[in-house]
N, C-alpha and C. Protein backbone atom coordinates (compact mmCIF):
# COMPACT_ATOMS: atom_id res chain seq x y z
N MET A 1 -221.28 54.98 -62.16
CA MET A 1 -221.81 55.68 -61.03
C MET A 1 -221.07 57.01 -60.91
N ASN A 2 -221.79 58.08 -60.85
CA ASN A 2 -221.22 59.41 -60.78
C ASN A 2 -221.44 59.99 -59.40
N PHE A 3 -220.41 60.71 -58.92
CA PHE A 3 -220.51 61.39 -57.64
C PHE A 3 -220.34 62.88 -57.88
N SER A 4 -221.01 63.65 -57.10
CA SER A 4 -220.82 65.09 -57.17
C SER A 4 -219.81 65.49 -56.11
N CYS A 5 -219.24 66.69 -56.27
CA CYS A 5 -218.25 67.18 -55.30
C CYS A 5 -218.85 67.27 -53.91
N GLU A 6 -220.11 67.65 -53.83
CA GLU A 6 -220.75 67.79 -52.52
C GLU A 6 -220.89 66.43 -51.84
N GLN A 7 -221.15 65.37 -52.63
CA GLN A 7 -221.34 64.05 -52.06
C GLN A 7 -220.05 63.50 -51.44
N ILE A 8 -218.90 63.85 -52.01
CA ILE A 8 -217.64 63.35 -51.44
C ILE A 8 -217.04 64.34 -50.45
N GLY A 9 -217.68 65.44 -50.22
CA GLY A 9 -217.30 66.38 -49.19
C GLY A 9 -216.20 67.35 -49.59
N LEU A 10 -216.08 67.64 -50.88
CA LEU A 10 -215.06 68.56 -51.35
C LEU A 10 -215.69 69.62 -52.23
N THR A 11 -215.08 70.79 -52.22
CA THR A 11 -215.51 71.81 -53.17
C THR A 11 -214.76 71.57 -54.47
N GLU A 12 -215.20 72.24 -55.53
CA GLU A 12 -214.56 72.06 -56.83
C GLU A 12 -213.11 72.52 -56.78
N GLU A 13 -212.80 73.61 -56.07
CA GLU A 13 -211.43 74.12 -55.96
C GLU A 13 -210.54 73.14 -55.19
N GLU A 14 -211.08 72.55 -54.12
CA GLU A 14 -210.29 71.57 -53.34
C GLU A 14 -209.99 70.35 -54.18
N LEU A 15 -210.95 69.89 -54.97
CA LEU A 15 -210.75 68.74 -55.83
C LEU A 15 -209.68 69.05 -56.88
N GLN A 16 -209.74 70.23 -57.49
CA GLN A 16 -208.73 70.62 -58.48
C GLN A 16 -207.35 70.68 -57.83
N THR A 17 -207.25 71.26 -56.65
CA THR A 17 -205.98 71.36 -55.95
C THR A 17 -205.40 69.98 -55.66
N ARG A 18 -206.26 69.06 -55.18
CA ARG A 18 -205.79 67.70 -54.88
C ARG A 18 -205.33 66.98 -56.14
N ILE A 19 -206.05 67.14 -57.22
CA ILE A 19 -205.67 66.48 -58.48
C ILE A 19 -204.33 67.02 -58.99
N ILE A 20 -204.18 68.35 -58.97
CA ILE A 20 -202.93 68.95 -59.43
C ILE A 20 -201.77 68.54 -58.53
N ASP A 21 -201.98 68.54 -57.22
CA ASP A 21 -200.93 68.10 -56.29
C ASP A 21 -200.54 66.65 -56.57
N GLY A 22 -201.53 65.79 -56.82
CA GLY A 22 -201.25 64.39 -57.12
C GLY A 22 -200.45 64.22 -58.39
N ILE A 23 -200.82 64.97 -59.44
CA ILE A 23 -200.10 64.88 -60.71
C ILE A 23 -198.66 65.36 -60.54
N VAL A 24 -198.48 66.49 -59.88
CA VAL A 24 -197.13 67.03 -59.67
C VAL A 24 -196.30 66.07 -58.84
N THR A 25 -196.89 65.51 -57.79
CA THR A 25 -196.17 64.56 -56.94
C THR A 25 -195.73 63.34 -57.75
N ARG A 26 -196.61 62.81 -58.61
CA ARG A 26 -196.27 61.63 -59.42
C ARG A 26 -195.17 61.96 -60.43
N MET A 27 -195.23 63.18 -60.99
CA MET A 27 -194.23 63.54 -61.99
C MET A 27 -192.86 63.79 -61.37
N LEU A 28 -192.82 64.21 -60.12
CA LEU A 28 -191.56 64.56 -59.50
C LEU A 28 -191.06 63.53 -58.49
N GLU A 29 -191.77 62.46 -58.31
CA GLU A 29 -191.38 61.52 -57.26
C GLU A 29 -190.14 60.73 -57.65
N GLN A 30 -189.52 60.22 -56.64
CA GLN A 30 -188.35 59.39 -56.81
C GLN A 30 -188.82 57.95 -56.71
N HIS A 31 -188.38 57.13 -57.62
CA HIS A 31 -188.81 55.73 -57.62
C HIS A 31 -187.91 54.92 -56.70
N ILE A 32 -188.52 54.35 -55.68
CA ILE A 32 -187.79 53.54 -54.72
C ILE A 32 -188.45 52.17 -54.69
N LEU A 33 -187.62 51.14 -54.77
CA LEU A 33 -188.12 49.78 -54.80
C LEU A 33 -187.71 49.07 -53.52
N TYR A 34 -188.66 48.39 -52.91
CA TYR A 34 -188.37 47.61 -51.70
C TYR A 34 -188.23 46.16 -52.10
N THR A 35 -187.08 45.57 -51.78
CA THR A 35 -186.88 44.16 -52.08
C THR A 35 -187.02 43.36 -50.79
N GLU A 36 -187.88 42.36 -50.85
CA GLU A 36 -188.15 41.56 -49.65
C GLU A 36 -186.98 40.67 -49.29
N ASP A 37 -186.21 40.22 -50.32
CA ASP A 37 -185.08 39.33 -50.05
C ASP A 37 -184.05 39.99 -49.14
N SER A 38 -183.68 41.20 -49.47
CA SER A 38 -182.65 41.89 -48.67
C SER A 38 -183.27 42.75 -47.58
N GLY A 39 -184.54 43.08 -47.72
CA GLY A 39 -185.19 43.92 -46.73
C GLY A 39 -184.73 45.36 -46.80
N GLU A 40 -184.23 45.79 -47.96
CA GLU A 40 -183.71 47.13 -48.11
C GLU A 40 -184.44 47.87 -49.22
N PHE A 41 -184.37 49.19 -49.14
CA PHE A 41 -184.93 50.03 -50.19
C PHE A 41 -183.85 50.33 -51.21
N GLU A 42 -184.22 50.30 -52.47
CA GLU A 42 -183.27 50.55 -53.55
C GLU A 42 -183.79 51.69 -54.40
N ASP A 43 -182.96 52.70 -54.63
CA ASP A 43 -183.34 53.83 -55.46
C ASP A 43 -183.16 53.43 -56.91
N ILE A 44 -184.25 53.41 -57.66
CA ILE A 44 -184.15 53.00 -59.06
C ILE A 44 -184.26 54.19 -60.00
N GLY A 45 -184.13 55.39 -59.45
CA GLY A 45 -184.03 56.56 -60.30
C GLY A 45 -185.18 57.53 -60.18
N ASP A 46 -184.97 58.67 -60.78
CA ASP A 46 -185.96 59.73 -60.78
C ASP A 46 -186.78 59.66 -62.06
N THR A 47 -187.93 60.30 -62.01
CA THR A 47 -188.71 60.43 -63.24
C THR A 47 -187.97 61.40 -64.15
N PRO A 48 -188.20 61.32 -65.46
CA PRO A 48 -187.52 62.26 -66.38
C PRO A 48 -187.80 63.72 -66.03
N MET A 49 -189.01 64.00 -65.59
CA MET A 49 -189.36 65.38 -65.23
C MET A 49 -188.55 65.84 -64.03
N ARG A 50 -188.42 64.98 -63.01
CA ARG A 50 -187.64 65.35 -61.82
C ARG A 50 -186.18 65.54 -62.20
N HIS A 51 -185.67 64.67 -63.06
CA HIS A 51 -184.27 64.77 -63.49
C HIS A 51 -184.03 66.11 -64.18
N ARG A 52 -184.92 66.51 -65.10
CA ARG A 52 -184.77 67.78 -65.80
C ARG A 52 -184.90 68.95 -64.83
N LEU A 53 -185.83 68.84 -63.89
CA LEU A 53 -186.02 69.91 -62.92
C LEU A 53 -184.79 70.05 -62.01
N ASP A 54 -184.25 68.92 -61.52
CA ASP A 54 -183.04 68.97 -60.69
C ASP A 54 -181.87 69.59 -61.45
N LYS A 55 -181.74 69.23 -62.72
CA LYS A 55 -180.66 69.77 -63.55
C LYS A 55 -180.83 71.28 -63.73
N ALA A 56 -182.05 71.72 -63.97
CA ALA A 56 -182.32 73.15 -64.15
C ALA A 56 -182.05 73.92 -62.86
N ILE A 57 -182.46 73.36 -61.72
CA ILE A 57 -182.22 74.01 -60.43
C ILE A 57 -180.72 74.12 -60.17
N LYS A 58 -179.99 73.04 -60.42
CA LYS A 58 -178.54 73.04 -60.18
C LYS A 58 -177.85 74.08 -61.07
N SER A 59 -178.23 74.15 -62.34
CA SER A 59 -177.58 75.12 -63.22
C SER A 59 -177.93 76.55 -62.81
N HIS A 60 -179.16 76.77 -62.34
CA HIS A 60 -179.55 78.10 -61.87
C HIS A 60 -178.76 78.50 -60.62
N ILE A 61 -178.61 77.56 -59.70
CA ILE A 61 -177.84 77.83 -58.47
C ILE A 61 -176.38 78.11 -58.81
N ASP A 62 -175.79 77.29 -59.70
CA ASP A 62 -174.40 77.50 -60.11
C ASP A 62 -174.21 78.87 -60.76
N ALA A 63 -175.16 79.25 -61.62
CA ALA A 63 -175.06 80.56 -62.27
C ALA A 63 -175.16 81.68 -61.26
N GLU A 64 -176.04 81.54 -60.27
CA GLU A 64 -176.21 82.58 -59.26
C GLU A 64 -174.96 82.68 -58.37
N VAL A 65 -174.38 81.54 -58.02
CA VAL A 65 -173.15 81.55 -57.22
C VAL A 65 -172.02 82.21 -58.00
N ASP A 66 -171.90 81.88 -59.28
CA ASP A 66 -170.88 82.51 -60.13
C ASP A 66 -171.09 84.02 -60.21
N ARG A 67 -172.35 84.45 -60.35
CA ARG A 67 -172.66 85.88 -60.45
C ARG A 67 -172.27 86.60 -59.17
N VAL A 68 -172.63 86.01 -58.03
CA VAL A 68 -172.30 86.64 -56.74
C VAL A 68 -170.79 86.69 -56.56
N ALA A 69 -170.10 85.60 -56.90
CA ALA A 69 -168.64 85.58 -56.76
C ALA A 69 -167.99 86.62 -57.64
N THR A 70 -168.45 86.72 -58.88
CA THR A 70 -167.87 87.68 -59.83
C THR A 70 -168.15 89.12 -59.41
N ASN A 71 -169.38 89.39 -59.00
CA ASN A 71 -169.77 90.78 -58.72
C ASN A 71 -169.34 91.26 -57.34
N TYR A 72 -169.26 90.38 -56.35
CA TYR A 72 -169.01 90.83 -54.99
C TYR A 72 -167.71 90.30 -54.39
N LEU A 73 -167.49 88.97 -54.51
CA LEU A 73 -166.32 88.38 -53.84
C LEU A 73 -165.01 88.73 -54.52
N GLU A 74 -164.95 88.64 -55.84
CA GLU A 74 -163.70 88.91 -56.54
C GLU A 74 -163.19 90.33 -56.29
N PRO A 75 -164.05 91.36 -56.44
CA PRO A 75 -163.55 92.71 -56.15
C PRO A 75 -163.11 92.88 -54.70
N MET A 76 -163.84 92.25 -53.77
CA MET A 76 -163.48 92.39 -52.35
C MET A 76 -162.13 91.74 -52.07
N VAL A 77 -161.92 90.54 -52.60
CA VAL A 77 -160.65 89.84 -52.39
C VAL A 77 -159.52 90.58 -53.08
N LYS A 78 -159.79 91.09 -54.28
CA LYS A 78 -158.76 91.85 -55.01
C LYS A 78 -158.34 93.09 -54.22
N ASN A 79 -159.34 93.80 -53.66
CA ASN A 79 -159.02 94.98 -52.85
C ASN A 79 -158.24 94.60 -51.59
N LEU A 80 -158.60 93.48 -50.98
CA LEU A 80 -157.88 93.04 -49.78
C LEU A 80 -156.43 92.72 -50.10
N ILE A 81 -156.22 92.02 -51.21
CA ILE A 81 -154.85 91.62 -51.57
C ILE A 81 -154.03 92.83 -52.02
N GLU A 82 -154.58 93.65 -52.91
CA GLU A 82 -153.82 94.77 -53.44
C GLU A 82 -153.68 95.92 -52.45
N GLY A 83 -154.67 96.09 -51.59
CA GLY A 83 -154.65 97.22 -50.68
C GLY A 83 -154.03 96.94 -49.33
N HIS A 84 -153.85 95.69 -48.99
CA HIS A 84 -153.32 95.34 -47.67
C HIS A 84 -151.81 95.58 -47.62
N THR A 85 -151.37 96.26 -46.59
CA THR A 85 -149.93 96.48 -46.42
C THR A 85 -149.45 95.78 -45.17
N LEU A 86 -148.21 95.38 -45.22
CA LEU A 86 -147.58 94.70 -44.09
C LEU A 86 -146.48 95.59 -43.54
N GLN A 87 -146.37 95.64 -42.24
CA GLN A 87 -145.37 96.49 -41.59
C GLN A 87 -144.53 95.63 -40.66
N MET A 88 -143.24 95.62 -40.85
CA MET A 88 -142.33 94.90 -39.96
C MET A 88 -142.25 95.66 -38.63
N THR A 89 -142.18 94.91 -37.55
CA THR A 89 -142.04 95.52 -36.23
C THR A 89 -140.97 94.79 -35.45
N ASN A 90 -140.50 95.43 -34.40
CA ASN A 90 -139.56 94.74 -33.52
C ASN A 90 -140.36 93.98 -32.45
N GLU A 91 -139.67 93.41 -31.47
CA GLU A 91 -140.37 92.60 -30.46
C GLU A 91 -141.29 93.42 -29.56
N TRP A 92 -141.17 94.74 -29.57
CA TRP A 92 -142.04 95.59 -28.75
C TRP A 92 -143.18 96.20 -29.57
N GLY A 93 -143.27 95.85 -30.87
CA GLY A 93 -144.33 96.35 -31.72
C GLY A 93 -144.05 97.68 -32.37
N GLU A 94 -142.82 98.15 -32.24
CA GLU A 94 -142.45 99.42 -32.88
C GLU A 94 -142.16 99.17 -34.35
N LYS A 95 -142.65 100.04 -35.21
CA LYS A 95 -142.49 99.88 -36.66
C LYS A 95 -141.03 99.94 -37.05
N ARG A 96 -140.67 99.07 -37.98
CA ARG A 96 -139.31 98.99 -38.51
C ARG A 96 -139.39 98.94 -40.03
N GLY A 97 -138.68 99.74 -40.71
CA GLY A 97 -138.65 99.71 -42.17
C GLY A 97 -139.91 100.29 -42.80
N ASP A 98 -139.94 100.21 -44.12
CA ASP A 98 -141.08 100.74 -44.88
C ASP A 98 -142.17 99.67 -45.00
N PRO A 99 -143.43 100.08 -44.99
CA PRO A 99 -144.50 99.10 -45.22
C PRO A 99 -144.48 98.63 -46.67
N ILE A 100 -144.87 97.37 -46.88
CA ILE A 100 -144.93 96.83 -48.24
C ILE A 100 -146.32 96.24 -48.47
N THR A 101 -146.74 96.20 -49.74
CA THR A 101 -148.04 95.62 -50.05
C THR A 101 -147.94 94.11 -49.99
N PHE A 102 -149.09 93.49 -49.90
CA PHE A 102 -149.14 92.03 -49.83
C PHE A 102 -148.54 91.40 -51.08
N THR A 103 -148.81 92.01 -52.25
CA THR A 103 -148.27 91.50 -53.51
C THR A 103 -146.75 91.57 -53.51
N GLU A 104 -146.19 92.69 -53.05
CA GLU A 104 -144.73 92.82 -52.98
C GLU A 104 -144.15 91.79 -52.02
N TYR A 105 -144.85 91.54 -50.92
CA TYR A 105 -144.40 90.55 -49.96
C TYR A 105 -144.36 89.15 -50.59
N LEU A 106 -145.43 88.80 -51.33
CA LEU A 106 -145.46 87.48 -51.98
C LEU A 106 -144.35 87.33 -53.01
N VAL A 107 -144.11 88.38 -53.79
CA VAL A 107 -143.03 88.31 -54.80
C VAL A 107 -141.68 88.13 -54.12
N LYS A 108 -141.45 88.87 -53.04
CA LYS A 108 -140.18 88.75 -52.31
C LYS A 108 -140.02 87.34 -51.72
N ARG A 109 -141.10 86.81 -51.13
CA ARG A 109 -141.04 85.47 -50.55
C ARG A 109 -140.75 84.41 -51.62
N ALA A 110 -141.38 84.55 -52.78
CA ALA A 110 -141.16 83.60 -53.87
C ALA A 110 -139.72 83.66 -54.35
N ALA A 111 -139.19 84.88 -54.49
CA ALA A 111 -137.79 85.03 -54.93
C ALA A 111 -136.84 84.44 -53.89
N ASP A 112 -137.09 84.71 -52.61
CA ASP A 112 -136.25 84.14 -51.55
C ASP A 112 -136.32 82.62 -51.54
N TYR A 113 -137.51 82.07 -51.76
CA TYR A 113 -137.69 80.62 -51.75
C TYR A 113 -136.90 79.99 -52.89
N MET A 114 -136.97 80.59 -54.09
CA MET A 114 -136.27 80.01 -55.23
C MET A 114 -134.76 80.18 -55.12
N ALA A 115 -134.30 81.18 -54.38
CA ALA A 115 -132.85 81.42 -54.22
C ALA A 115 -132.28 80.72 -53.00
N GLU A 116 -133.09 80.03 -52.24
CA GLU A 116 -132.63 79.36 -51.01
C GLU A 116 -131.68 78.21 -51.36
N PRO A 117 -130.55 78.11 -50.67
CA PRO A 117 -129.61 77.02 -50.95
C PRO A 117 -130.18 75.66 -50.52
N VAL A 118 -129.90 74.63 -51.34
CA VAL A 118 -130.35 73.27 -51.04
C VAL A 118 -129.19 72.31 -51.24
N ASP A 119 -129.35 71.10 -50.68
CA ASP A 119 -128.32 70.07 -50.88
C ASP A 119 -128.63 69.28 -52.15
N HIS A 120 -127.91 68.19 -52.37
CA HIS A 120 -128.07 67.42 -53.61
C HIS A 120 -129.43 66.73 -53.70
N ASN A 121 -130.17 66.64 -52.59
CA ASN A 121 -131.52 66.06 -52.59
C ASN A 121 -132.61 67.13 -52.69
N GLY A 122 -132.24 68.39 -52.78
CA GLY A 122 -133.21 69.47 -52.88
C GLY A 122 -133.75 69.93 -51.54
N LYS A 123 -133.08 69.55 -50.45
CA LYS A 123 -133.56 69.92 -49.11
C LYS A 123 -132.76 71.12 -48.59
N PRO A 124 -133.47 72.08 -47.98
CA PRO A 124 -132.75 73.23 -47.42
C PRO A 124 -132.08 72.86 -46.10
N LYS A 125 -131.19 73.72 -45.67
CA LYS A 125 -130.52 73.49 -44.39
C LYS A 125 -131.56 73.68 -43.29
N GLY A 126 -131.73 72.68 -42.48
CA GLY A 126 -132.74 72.74 -41.43
C GLY A 126 -132.13 72.39 -40.10
N ARG A 127 -132.97 71.85 -39.23
CA ARG A 127 -132.48 71.46 -37.90
C ARG A 127 -131.51 70.29 -38.00
N ASP A 128 -131.74 69.38 -38.95
CA ASP A 128 -130.85 68.23 -39.13
C ASP A 128 -129.80 68.61 -40.17
N SER A 129 -128.84 69.43 -39.76
CA SER A 129 -127.87 69.94 -40.73
C SER A 129 -126.46 69.44 -40.45
N TYR A 130 -126.34 68.31 -39.79
CA TYR A 130 -125.03 67.79 -39.43
C TYR A 130 -124.17 67.54 -40.66
N SER A 131 -124.70 66.82 -41.63
CA SER A 131 -123.91 66.50 -42.82
C SER A 131 -124.41 67.27 -44.05
N TRP A 132 -125.16 68.34 -43.83
CA TRP A 132 -125.71 69.11 -44.95
C TRP A 132 -124.60 69.85 -45.67
N LYS A 133 -124.66 69.80 -47.02
CA LYS A 133 -123.66 70.50 -47.83
C LYS A 133 -124.39 71.16 -48.99
N GLN A 134 -124.18 72.46 -49.16
CA GLN A 134 -124.87 73.18 -50.22
C GLN A 134 -124.45 72.66 -51.59
N ASP A 135 -125.45 72.41 -52.44
CA ASP A 135 -125.20 71.96 -53.80
C ASP A 135 -125.60 73.03 -54.81
N SER A 136 -126.78 73.63 -54.60
CA SER A 136 -127.27 74.66 -55.52
C SER A 136 -128.46 75.37 -54.87
N THR A 137 -129.16 76.17 -55.66
CA THR A 137 -130.38 76.81 -55.17
C THR A 137 -131.58 75.95 -55.58
N ARG A 138 -132.75 76.28 -55.01
CA ARG A 138 -133.97 75.53 -55.37
C ARG A 138 -134.24 75.61 -56.87
N LEU A 139 -134.07 76.79 -57.45
CA LEU A 139 -134.35 76.98 -58.87
C LEU A 139 -133.43 76.12 -59.73
N VAL A 140 -132.15 76.14 -59.43
CA VAL A 140 -131.18 75.33 -60.19
C VAL A 140 -131.49 73.85 -60.01
N TYR A 141 -131.83 73.44 -58.78
CA TYR A 141 -132.18 72.04 -58.52
C TYR A 141 -133.41 71.63 -59.34
N ALA A 142 -134.42 72.50 -59.39
CA ALA A 142 -135.64 72.19 -60.14
C ALA A 142 -135.35 72.08 -61.64
N VAL A 143 -134.53 72.99 -62.16
CA VAL A 143 -134.18 72.95 -63.59
C VAL A 143 -133.38 71.68 -63.90
N LYS A 144 -132.43 71.34 -63.02
CA LYS A 144 -131.65 70.11 -63.21
C LYS A 144 -132.56 68.89 -63.28
N GLY A 145 -133.50 68.81 -62.35
CA GLY A 145 -134.43 67.68 -62.33
C GLY A 145 -135.28 67.62 -63.59
N TYR A 146 -135.77 68.78 -64.03
CA TYR A 146 -136.57 68.84 -65.25
C TYR A 146 -135.76 68.36 -66.45
N LEU A 147 -134.53 68.88 -66.57
CA LEU A 147 -133.67 68.49 -67.69
C LEU A 147 -133.32 67.01 -67.63
N GLN A 148 -133.05 66.50 -66.44
CA GLN A 148 -132.68 65.09 -66.30
C GLN A 148 -133.83 64.19 -66.76
N ILE A 149 -135.03 64.50 -66.36
CA ILE A 149 -136.19 63.69 -66.75
C ILE A 149 -136.35 63.69 -68.26
N HIS A 150 -136.28 64.87 -68.88
CA HIS A 150 -136.48 64.95 -70.32
C HIS A 150 -135.33 64.35 -71.11
N MET A 151 -134.11 64.47 -70.58
CA MET A 151 -132.97 63.85 -71.25
C MET A 151 -133.08 62.32 -71.17
N GLU A 152 -133.49 61.79 -70.03
CA GLU A 152 -133.66 60.34 -69.90
C GLU A 152 -134.72 59.84 -70.87
N GLN A 153 -135.83 60.55 -70.98
CA GLN A 153 -136.89 60.14 -71.91
C GLN A 153 -136.38 60.17 -73.35
N ALA A 154 -135.63 61.22 -73.71
CA ALA A 154 -135.10 61.32 -75.07
C ALA A 154 -134.09 60.21 -75.35
N MET A 155 -133.24 59.90 -74.37
CA MET A 155 -132.26 58.84 -74.54
C MET A 155 -132.93 57.48 -74.69
N LYS A 156 -133.95 57.23 -73.88
CA LYS A 156 -134.67 55.95 -73.98
C LYS A 156 -135.33 55.81 -75.35
N GLN A 157 -135.93 56.90 -75.84
CA GLN A 157 -136.56 56.86 -77.15
C GLN A 157 -135.52 56.64 -78.24
N THR A 158 -134.39 57.33 -78.15
CA THR A 158 -133.33 57.18 -79.14
C THR A 158 -132.76 55.77 -79.12
N MET A 159 -132.53 55.24 -77.92
CA MET A 159 -132.00 53.87 -77.81
C MET A 159 -132.98 52.85 -78.37
N GLY A 160 -134.25 53.05 -78.12
CA GLY A 160 -135.26 52.13 -78.67
C GLY A 160 -135.28 52.15 -80.17
N GLU A 161 -135.22 53.34 -80.75
CA GLU A 161 -135.20 53.45 -82.21
C GLU A 161 -133.92 52.86 -82.79
N SER A 162 -132.77 53.15 -82.15
CA SER A 162 -131.50 52.61 -82.69
C SER A 162 -131.45 51.09 -82.52
N ASN A 163 -131.99 50.56 -81.42
CA ASN A 163 -132.03 49.10 -81.25
C ASN A 163 -132.86 48.45 -82.34
N LYS A 164 -133.96 49.05 -82.72
CA LYS A 164 -134.81 48.51 -83.78
C LYS A 164 -134.05 48.50 -85.11
N ILE A 165 -133.36 49.62 -85.41
CA ILE A 165 -132.59 49.71 -86.66
C ILE A 165 -131.47 48.67 -86.66
N MET A 166 -130.75 48.55 -85.53
CA MET A 166 -129.65 47.58 -85.43
C MET A 166 -130.18 46.15 -85.54
N HIS A 167 -131.31 45.89 -84.93
CA HIS A 167 -131.91 44.56 -84.98
C HIS A 167 -132.23 44.18 -86.42
N ASP A 168 -132.85 45.11 -87.15
CA ASP A 168 -133.21 44.84 -88.54
C ASP A 168 -131.96 44.62 -89.39
N ALA A 169 -130.91 45.41 -89.16
CA ALA A 169 -129.67 45.28 -89.93
C ALA A 169 -128.98 43.96 -89.63
N ILE A 170 -128.90 43.60 -88.36
CA ILE A 170 -128.23 42.34 -87.97
C ILE A 170 -129.01 41.15 -88.52
N MET A 171 -130.35 41.19 -88.41
CA MET A 171 -131.16 40.07 -88.93
C MET A 171 -130.98 39.93 -90.44
N GLY A 172 -130.91 41.07 -91.14
CA GLY A 172 -130.68 41.02 -92.59
C GLY A 172 -129.33 40.40 -92.92
N ALA A 173 -128.28 40.77 -92.19
CA ALA A 173 -126.93 40.23 -92.44
C ALA A 173 -126.88 38.74 -92.11
N VAL A 174 -127.50 38.34 -91.01
CA VAL A 174 -127.51 36.92 -90.63
C VAL A 174 -128.25 36.10 -91.67
N ASN A 175 -129.41 36.58 -92.11
CA ASN A 175 -130.17 35.85 -93.14
C ASN A 175 -129.39 35.73 -94.44
N LYS A 176 -128.69 36.79 -94.84
CA LYS A 176 -127.90 36.76 -96.06
C LYS A 176 -126.75 35.76 -95.92
N GLY A 177 -126.06 35.80 -94.75
CA GLY A 177 -124.95 34.86 -94.51
C GLY A 177 -125.44 33.41 -94.51
N LEU A 178 -126.59 33.15 -93.88
CA LEU A 178 -127.13 31.80 -93.84
C LEU A 178 -127.53 31.32 -95.24
N SER A 179 -128.09 32.22 -96.02
CA SER A 179 -128.48 31.80 -97.38
C SER A 179 -127.24 31.46 -98.22
N GLU A 180 -126.13 32.19 -98.05
CA GLU A 180 -124.90 31.90 -98.79
C GLU A 180 -124.30 30.56 -98.33
N VAL A 181 -124.34 30.32 -97.03
CA VAL A 181 -123.83 29.05 -96.51
C VAL A 181 -124.68 27.90 -97.03
N MET A 182 -125.99 28.09 -97.07
CA MET A 182 -126.90 27.03 -97.53
C MET A 182 -126.65 26.71 -99.01
N LYS A 183 -126.26 27.71 -99.80
CA LYS A 183 -125.96 27.47 -101.22
C LYS A 183 -124.72 26.62 -101.38
N GLN A 184 -123.74 26.80 -100.47
CA GLN A 184 -122.48 26.08 -100.57
C GLN A 184 -122.58 24.67 -100.00
N VAL A 185 -123.49 24.45 -99.12
CA VAL A 185 -123.61 23.12 -98.50
C VAL A 185 -124.57 22.29 -99.35
N LYS A 186 -124.12 21.11 -99.64
CA LYS A 186 -124.98 20.20 -100.40
C LYS A 186 -125.26 19.00 -99.52
N VAL A 187 -126.48 18.66 -99.48
CA VAL A 187 -126.89 17.55 -98.63
C VAL A 187 -127.27 16.39 -99.56
N ASN A 188 -126.67 15.29 -99.29
CA ASN A 188 -127.00 14.09 -100.03
C ASN A 188 -127.76 13.15 -99.14
N VAL A 189 -128.83 12.66 -99.64
CA VAL A 189 -129.63 11.70 -98.88
C VAL A 189 -129.59 10.40 -99.65
N SER A 190 -129.19 9.37 -98.97
CA SER A 190 -129.18 8.06 -99.63
C SER A 190 -129.89 7.06 -98.75
N VAL A 191 -130.53 6.12 -99.42
CA VAL A 191 -131.28 5.13 -98.69
C VAL A 191 -130.55 3.79 -98.88
N LYS A 192 -130.32 3.06 -97.82
CA LYS A 192 -129.63 1.77 -97.89
C LYS A 192 -130.55 0.65 -97.66
């Protein structure tokens, strides 16, 4: 039985649009399964076409974000960091000393931080300084810790290797001694 477009109340263009929309919807739909036992919907995945399309969209968005960041944000942030100057002031807001750039300020702060005195636990003198005693600077403390860790690892490795060598040597000597003793001992078995 054949129907014409006029009989079903659609024009040829409307029918084509509906068919194309249906095909696109089926190709891009997400498969969801309803299980009666649990009464819940379960996502069982996307169609391959939707998966490829989502991947293409994500990569396009990532590329566009990278382009915007590279072309606009990086130069703006670089100019803010390199061009920004800091000026020390007194409690009334009057300028004191020479202005310094943000980069110079960061370098100075890093140098001060690494040169700050610390105790044997690596803690600086703070509010709880009753029994605090200077041991070294942060940099020296960090180097000591680094060296201690690597020296311990090297010693453990060396001890493990030497224990294996000693074990093999001792076992060889014991086996040789036992074999010599066994040669000298004679066992007589007699039946009565």
